[in-house]
Amino acid sequence: MLADVNRITSEEELDNLLSDPPEALVALMRRLEGDILLLGIAGKIGISLGAMARRAIAQAGVAKRVIGVARFSEPGVREKVEAAGVETIACDLLDRTAVSRLPQAPNVIYLAGRKFGTVGQEALTWAMNTLAPGYVAEQFSRSRIVAFSTGCVYPLVTAHAACTEATVPAPVGEYAQSCLGRERIFSYYSQRHGTPICLFRLNYAAELRYGVLHDIAQAVWQGQPVDVTVGQFNVIWQGDVNAQALRALELCASPAAVLNVTGPETVSTRAVARRFAELMGKEAIFIGEEGPVAYLNDASQAIRHFGDPRVCLEQLITWTAEWVMAGGRSLGKPTHFEVNDGRFA
């Protein structure tokens, strides 16, 4: 289905594709026992992930609840989540008492976290990325938990030395350090209670309204320079992230398992900008000089488990180019992929 789509012309169509469940996920829902709780559902990934879970359950013909938890501080988000058939509960995950009142569920996906705005608000970032996971791990010690993390816990490396799950973490900056802290908290409770957990180390999910490809495409289309200070990156279609996160429920283990999640290739920032320029009939303008290192992850293990992503890099680039040229909506949330000093303002 996805390979047959040449152009995405509306947000409705985009949301439908982001939540389209692969058959392997539908099959999982037939054998997965219990309901699914999505903590932090109101973020960029959670809404489409919840919708995909509901669609997979419906196609599997089974009875299973999907419950989404967030503060729901942004107008309209809760209504959008509920329109997808996901039940909702308003809860601040930094409120330990409120977390203790959340309903138990055998399957938990933890999506909450804080990145942008860390500079000057380091204490809040550490609280969100370490205290909240502790409260959640205490409350759901009998559940299996897929905990979203980031490839930023790894050291910056050259293009020929992408990090595997065996690479020793060496986070740069307070955001990345706090993310390793989140992992350590979940790992502690996994060891203490035997809670099966999967640490889901994601490097650059992308859809047409947001992501590193969107940022580069917008710069090329608007005649702005593309910063190539970080000369390589990894990227994966957000719909593939949704499916892999749900399927990772079967990979949870104690001690906690680790899984790198991204696309299969190392992508050149300069080459992608030139490809956008070719598709758009524009000229790619560059600033900066390629540094020797970047955040690069090896997703071979995830590919062995799940197969190749359903959306390849060229298709994602083409979709993004068409979307930007047509004036498609942007979430207005730059990824700051060019940052390599760990400081996320």
Protein backbone atom coordinates (compact mmCIF):
# COMPACT_ATOMS: atom_id res chain seq x y z
CA MET A 1 0.00 0.00 0.00
CA LEU A 2 2.61 2.58 1.06
CA ALA A 3 4.85 1.86 -1.93
CA ASP A 4 1.96 2.71 -4.26
CA VAL A 5 1.50 6.22 -2.81
CA ASN A 6 3.28 8.79 -4.98
CA ARG A 7 2.09 11.93 -3.23
CA ILE A 8 0.40 12.77 0.07
CA THR A 9 -1.97 15.70 -0.41
CA SER A 10 -3.72 16.18 2.93
CA GLU A 11 -3.17 15.80 6.66
CA GLU A 12 -5.99 13.28 6.76
CA GLU A 13 -4.17 11.12 4.23
CA LEU A 14 -0.88 11.58 6.09
CA ASP A 15 -2.39 10.62 9.44
CA ASN A 16 -4.00 7.58 7.81
CA LEU A 17 -0.64 6.39 6.44
CA LEU A 18 1.17 7.05 9.73
CA SER A 19 -1.33 4.81 11.54
CA ASP A 20 -1.59 2.06 8.91
CA PRO A 21 -0.68 -1.18 10.72
CA PRO A 22 1.47 -3.81 8.99
CA GLU A 23 0.17 -7.37 8.99
CA ALA A 24 2.86 -8.44 11.47
CA LEU A 25 1.42 -5.99 14.01
CA VAL A 26 -2.12 -7.22 13.40
CA ALA A 27 -0.87 -10.74 14.05
CA LEU A 28 0.78 -9.55 17.28
CA MET A 29 -2.52 -8.14 18.52
CA ARG A 30 -4.11 -11.57 18.10
CA ARG A 31 -1.62 -13.14 20.52
CA LEU A 32 -0.83 -10.19 22.85
CA GLU A 33 -2.67 -10.49 26.14
CA GLY A 34 -4.19 -7.47 27.81
CA ASP A 35 -4.76 -3.78 27.24
CA ILE A 36 -2.21 -1.19 26.11
CA LEU A 37 -1.37 1.97 28.05
CA LEU A 38 0.43 4.80 26.24
CA LEU A 39 2.07 7.25 28.62
CA GLY A 40 2.85 10.62 27.07
CA ILE A 41 0.52 10.10 24.11
CA ALA A 42 0.13 13.82 23.32
CA GLY A 43 3.58 14.20 21.73
CA LYS A 44 4.60 14.03 18.08
CA ILE A 45 4.67 10.23 17.96
CA GLY A 46 2.02 9.18 20.45
CA ILE A 47 -1.13 10.24 18.62
CA SER A 48 -0.43 8.22 15.47
CA LEU A 49 0.95 5.34 17.54
CA GLY A 50 -2.30 5.13 19.49
CA ALA A 51 -4.31 5.26 16.27
CA MET A 52 -2.20 2.45 14.79
CA ALA A 53 -2.73 0.30 17.87
CA ARG A 54 -6.50 0.75 17.63
CA ARG A 55 -6.55 -0.07 13.91
CA ALA A 56 -4.40 -3.17 14.42
CA ILE A 57 -6.71 -4.39 17.18
CA ALA A 58 -9.78 -3.85 14.99
CA GLN A 59 -8.21 -5.70 12.08
CA ALA A 60 -7.19 -8.54 14.40
CA GLY A 61 -10.81 -8.88 15.53
CA VAL A 62 -9.94 -8.92 19.24
CA ALA A 63 -11.17 -6.99 22.27
CA LYS A 64 -8.48 -4.80 23.78
CA ARG A 65 -8.44 -1.30 25.26
CA VAL A 66 -5.93 1.36 24.29
CA ILE A 67 -5.59 4.08 26.92
CA GLY A 68 -3.64 7.29 26.34
CA VAL A 69 -2.26 9.34 29.22
CA ALA A 70 -0.94 12.90 29.07
CA ARG A 71 -1.50 16.34 30.57
CA PHE A 72 -3.40 17.29 27.37
CA SER A 73 -2.42 20.94 27.78
CA GLU A 74 -2.57 21.70 24.04
CA PRO A 75 -6.10 22.47 22.78
CA GLY A 76 -7.64 19.85 20.51
CA VAL A 77 -5.15 17.07 21.16
CA ARG A 78 -7.31 15.07 23.54
CA GLU A 79 -10.22 15.22 21.11
CA LYS A 80 -7.97 14.00 18.28
CA VAL A 81 -6.74 11.08 20.38
CA GLU A 82 -10.26 10.08 21.35
CA ALA A 83 -11.45 10.37 17.75
CA ALA A 84 -9.01 7.55 16.93
CA GLY A 85 -10.79 5.31 19.45
CA VAL A 86 -8.23 5.72 22.23
CA GLU A 87 -9.50 6.25 25.77
CA THR A 88 -7.83 9.14 27.57
CA ILE A 89 -6.78 10.03 31.10
CA ALA A 90 -5.35 13.43 32.03
CA CYS A 91 -2.33 13.00 34.30
CA ASP A 92 0.93 14.81 35.05
CA LEU A 93 3.55 12.06 35.18
CA LEU A 94 5.59 14.18 37.60
CA ASP A 95 2.71 13.88 40.10
CA ARG A 96 3.52 10.67 41.96
CA THR A 97 0.06 10.43 43.53
CA ALA A 98 -1.66 10.87 40.19
CA VAL A 99 0.54 8.18 38.61
CA SER A 100 -0.35 5.80 41.44
CA ARG A 101 -4.03 6.13 40.48
CA LEU A 102 -3.52 5.13 36.85
CA PRO A 103 -5.13 1.80 35.89
CA GLN A 104 -2.93 -1.24 35.56
CA ALA A 105 -2.29 -2.62 32.09
CA PRO A 106 -0.11 -5.55 31.02
CA ASN A 107 1.42 -3.52 28.16
CA VAL A 108 2.90 -0.06 28.67
CA ILE A 109 4.65 2.20 26.17
CA TYR A 110 6.44 5.13 27.76
CA LEU A 111 6.73 8.09 25.37
CA ALA A 112 7.18 11.00 27.76
CA GLY A 113 10.32 13.09 27.79
CA ARG A 114 11.77 16.59 27.58
CA LYS A 115 14.44 17.80 25.13
CA PHE A 116 13.99 21.28 23.71
CA GLY A 117 14.20 24.09 26.23
CA THR A 118 16.76 22.21 28.30
CA VAL A 119 19.25 25.11 28.29
CA GLY A 120 18.31 27.21 31.33
CA GLN A 121 15.77 24.61 32.51
CA GLU A 122 18.11 21.72 33.20
CA ALA A 123 16.44 20.78 36.49
CA LEU A 124 13.04 20.35 34.82
CA THR A 125 14.57 18.22 32.06
CA TRP A 126 16.22 15.95 34.64
CA ALA A 127 12.98 15.68 36.61
CA MET A 128 10.93 14.79 33.52
CA ASN A 129 13.49 12.33 32.23
CA THR A 130 14.33 10.56 35.51
CA LEU A 131 11.75 11.18 38.24
CA ALA A 132 8.71 10.44 36.07
CA PRO A 133 10.17 7.13 34.84
CA GLY A 134 10.74 6.12 38.46
CA TYR A 135 7.11 6.78 39.37
CA VAL A 136 5.96 4.86 36.29
CA ALA A 137 8.28 1.91 36.92
CA GLU A 138 7.00 1.64 40.49
CA GLN A 139 3.35 1.74 39.41
CA PHE A 140 3.73 -0.73 36.55
CA SER A 141 6.26 -3.17 37.96
CA ARG A 142 4.10 -6.11 36.80
CA SER A 143 3.73 -4.82 33.23
CA ARG A 144 5.98 -5.11 30.21
CA ILE A 145 7.29 -1.65 29.29
CA VAL A 146 8.69 -0.28 26.05
CA ALA A 147 10.50 2.89 27.13
CA PHE A 148 11.35 5.39 24.40
CA SER A 149 14.94 6.60 24.57
CA THR A 150 17.35 8.21 22.11
CA GLY A 151 20.51 7.47 20.17
CA CYS A 152 21.94 10.57 21.86
CA VAL A 153 22.96 8.39 24.82
CA TYR A 154 25.77 7.07 22.59
CA PRO A 155 28.99 8.92 21.82
CA LEU A 156 29.36 10.97 18.66
CA VAL A 157 31.05 8.71 16.08
CA THR A 158 32.36 8.68 12.52
CA ALA A 159 30.26 7.45 9.63
CA HIS A 160 32.12 4.14 9.61
CA ALA A 161 31.58 3.37 13.30
CA ALA A 162 27.82 3.52 13.89
CA CYS A 163 26.82 2.57 17.43
CA THR A 164 25.35 -0.86 18.14
CA GLU A 165 23.45 -1.89 21.23
CA ALA A 166 26.80 -3.06 22.65
CA THR A 167 28.37 0.41 22.40
CA VAL A 168 29.04 1.88 25.84
CA PRO A 169 26.94 5.03 26.35
CA ALA A 170 28.80 8.34 26.53
CA PRO A 171 26.15 11.08 26.43
CA VAL A 172 27.13 14.63 25.51
CA GLY A 173 25.29 17.43 27.31
CA GLU A 174 22.61 17.49 29.98
CA TYR A 175 19.71 16.38 27.79
CA ALA A 176 21.52 13.23 26.66
CA GLN A 177 22.82 12.61 30.18
CA SER A 178 19.29 12.82 31.56
CA CYS A 179 18.13 10.36 28.89
CA LEU A 180 20.75 7.88 30.04
CA GLY A 181 19.45 8.60 33.53
CA ARG A 182 15.95 7.62 32.34
CA GLU A 183 17.34 4.35 31.01
CA ARG A 184 19.20 3.66 34.26
CA ILE A 185 16.02 4.22 36.29
CA PHE A 186 14.04 1.79 34.14
CA SER A 187 16.92 -0.70 34.24
CA TYR A 188 17.08 -0.47 38.03
CA TYR A 189 13.40 -1.29 38.41
CA SER A 190 13.70 -4.06 35.83
CA GLN A 191 16.39 -5.67 37.97
CA ARG A 192 14.62 -4.96 41.26
CA HIS A 193 11.17 -6.25 40.30
CA GLY A 194 11.91 -8.42 37.28
CA THR A 195 9.89 -6.02 35.11
CA PRO A 196 10.39 -6.87 31.42
CA ILE A 197 11.51 -3.67 29.66
CA CYS A 198 12.80 -2.67 26.23
CA LEU A 199 14.87 0.53 25.97
CA PHE A 200 13.83 1.85 22.55
CA ARG A 201 16.74 4.00 21.34
CA LEU A 202 15.30 6.03 18.48
CA ASN A 203 17.32 8.16 16.09
CA TYR A 204 15.23 10.66 14.09
CA ALA A 205 11.68 9.69 13.37
CA ALA A 206 10.35 11.71 10.45
CA GLU A 207 7.00 12.56 8.92
CA LEU A 208 6.12 15.29 6.46
CA ARG A 209 5.28 18.01 9.01
CA TYR A 210 8.31 17.47 11.19
CA GLY A 211 11.78 15.93 11.20
CA VAL A 212 15.26 16.37 9.81
CA LEU A 213 14.12 15.80 6.20
CA HIS A 214 11.35 18.37 6.64
CA ASP A 215 13.88 20.88 8.01
CA ILE A 216 16.28 20.39 5.09
CA ALA A 217 13.46 20.49 2.52
CA GLN A 218 12.09 23.75 3.92
CA ALA A 219 15.53 25.36 3.83
CA VAL A 220 16.09 24.35 0.21
CA TRP A 221 12.60 25.45 -0.87
CA GLN A 222 12.95 28.83 0.85
CA GLY A 223 16.45 29.45 -0.48
CA GLN A 224 18.00 29.28 2.97
CA PRO A 225 21.37 27.68 3.69
CA VAL A 226 21.54 24.12 4.98
CA ASP A 227 23.97 23.71 7.87
CA VAL A 228 26.22 20.71 7.16
CA THR A 229 28.16 20.90 10.44
CA VAL A 230 26.62 17.53 11.23
CA GLY A 231 27.31 15.85 7.93
CA GLN A 232 25.47 12.55 8.42
CA PHE A 233 22.36 11.32 10.18
CA ASN A 234 19.94 8.41 10.46
CA VAL A 235 16.22 8.70 9.78
CA ILE A 236 13.13 6.47 9.76
CA TRP A 237 9.48 6.99 8.77
CA GLN A 238 7.40 7.61 11.87
CA GLY A 239 4.84 5.02 10.82
CA ASP A 240 7.60 2.40 10.97
CA VAL A 241 8.54 3.67 14.42
CA ASN A 242 4.94 3.22 15.58
CA ALA A 243 4.80 -0.37 14.38
CA GLN A 244 8.21 -1.27 15.82
CA ALA A 245 7.39 0.26 19.21
CA LEU A 246 4.26 -1.84 19.51
CA ARG A 247 5.99 -4.98 18.27
CA ALA A 248 8.84 -4.36 20.73
CA LEU A 249 6.43 -5.33 23.52
CA GLU A 250 7.44 -8.91 22.67
CA LEU A 251 11.14 -8.05 23.07
CA CYS A 252 10.87 -6.79 26.65
CA ALA A 253 13.15 -8.61 29.08
CA SER A 254 14.73 -8.44 32.51
CA PRO A 255 17.43 -7.19 32.68
CA ALA A 256 16.15 -4.54 30.29
CA ALA A 257 16.72 -5.18 26.58
CA VAL A 258 18.18 -2.46 24.35
CA LEU A 259 17.07 -1.81 20.77
CA ASN A 260 18.38 0.74 18.26
CA VAL A 261 15.60 2.01 16.00
CA THR A 262 16.33 3.95 12.82
CA GLY A 263 16.69 3.51 9.08
CA PRO A 264 19.20 1.08 7.57
CA GLU A 265 21.50 3.67 5.98
CA THR A 266 23.77 6.51 7.03
CA VAL A 267 22.46 9.59 5.24
CA SER A 268 24.56 12.50 3.97
CA THR A 269 23.15 15.91 4.87
CA ARG A 270 24.70 17.47 1.76
CA ALA A 271 23.47 14.70 -0.56
CA VAL A 272 19.90 14.93 0.80
CA ALA A 273 19.86 18.70 0.34
CA ARG A 274 21.02 18.27 -3.26
CA ARG A 275 18.32 15.67 -3.88
CA PHE A 276 15.68 18.07 -2.58
CA ALA A 277 17.12 20.80 -4.80
CA GLU A 278 16.85 18.48 -7.80
CA LEU A 279 13.23 17.59 -7.03
CA MET A 280 12.27 21.19 -6.32
CA GLY A 281 14.14 22.89 -9.16
CA LYS A 282 16.12 24.88 -6.63
CA GLU A 283 19.75 25.41 -5.72
CA ALA A 284 21.08 23.94 -2.51
CA ILE A 285 23.03 26.48 -0.44
CA PHE A 286 25.33 25.30 2.35
CA ILE A 287 26.96 26.76 5.42
CA GLY A 288 29.47 25.19 7.77
CA GLU A 289 31.90 22.38 7.17
CA GLU A 290 31.20 18.72 7.78
CA GLY A 291 32.50 17.67 11.16
CA PRO A 292 34.07 14.25 11.61
CA VAL A 293 31.38 12.86 13.96
CA ALA A 294 27.60 12.62 14.40
CA TYR A 295 24.92 10.65 16.24
CA LEU A 296 24.82 7.47 14.16
CA ASN A 297 23.16 4.21 15.13
CA ASP A 298 23.27 0.72 13.67
CA ALA A 299 19.71 -0.68 13.51
CA SER A 300 20.70 -4.14 12.25
CA GLN A 301 19.16 -5.85 15.26
CA ALA A 302 15.79 -4.15 14.79
CA ILE A 303 15.84 -5.02 11.10
CA ARG A 304 16.49 -8.67 11.97
CA HIS A 305 13.45 -8.61 14.24
CA PHE A 306 11.07 -6.52 12.14
CA GLY A 307 12.43 -6.48 8.59
CA ASP A 308 13.26 -3.37 6.58
CA PRO A 309 11.16 -0.23 7.12
CA ARG A 310 8.11 -0.11 4.86
CA VAL A 311 8.98 3.40 3.67
CA CYS A 312 12.44 3.73 2.11
CA LEU A 313 14.56 6.87 2.22
CA GLU A 314 13.91 7.91 -1.41
CA GLN A 315 10.15 7.62 -0.99
CA LEU A 316 10.27 9.66 2.20
CA ILE A 317 12.38 12.35 0.49
CA THR A 318 9.98 12.49 -2.47
CA TRP A 319 6.90 12.72 -0.23
CA THR A 320 8.54 15.47 1.82
CA ALA A 321 9.54 17.48 -1.26
CA GLU A 322 6.01 17.34 -2.66
CA TRP A 323 4.52 18.27 0.71
CA VAL A 324 6.74 21.30 1.22
CA MET A 325 6.32 22.55 -2.36
CA ALA A 326 2.53 22.30 -2.00
CA GLY A 327 2.59 24.39 1.18
CA GLY A 328 1.77 21.50 3.49
CA ARG A 329 1.54 22.37 7.18
CA SER A 330 4.62 22.35 9.37
CA LEU A 331 4.51 21.66 13.10
CA GLY A 332 6.99 24.51 13.49
CA LYS A 333 9.28 22.42 15.68
CA PRO A 334 12.81 22.34 14.23
CA THR A 335 14.82 19.25 15.13
CA HIS A 336 18.12 21.17 15.46
CA PHE A 337 19.82 18.19 13.83
CA GLU A 338 22.88 20.38 13.29
CA VAL A 339 23.58 20.46 17.05
CA ASN A 340 26.54 18.31 18.08
CA ASP A 341 27.44 19.83 21.44
CA GLY A 342 24.46 18.47 23.36
CA ARG A 343 22.93 21.90 24.03
CA PHE A 344 19.25 22.03 23.05
CA ALA A 345 17.81 25.50 23.57
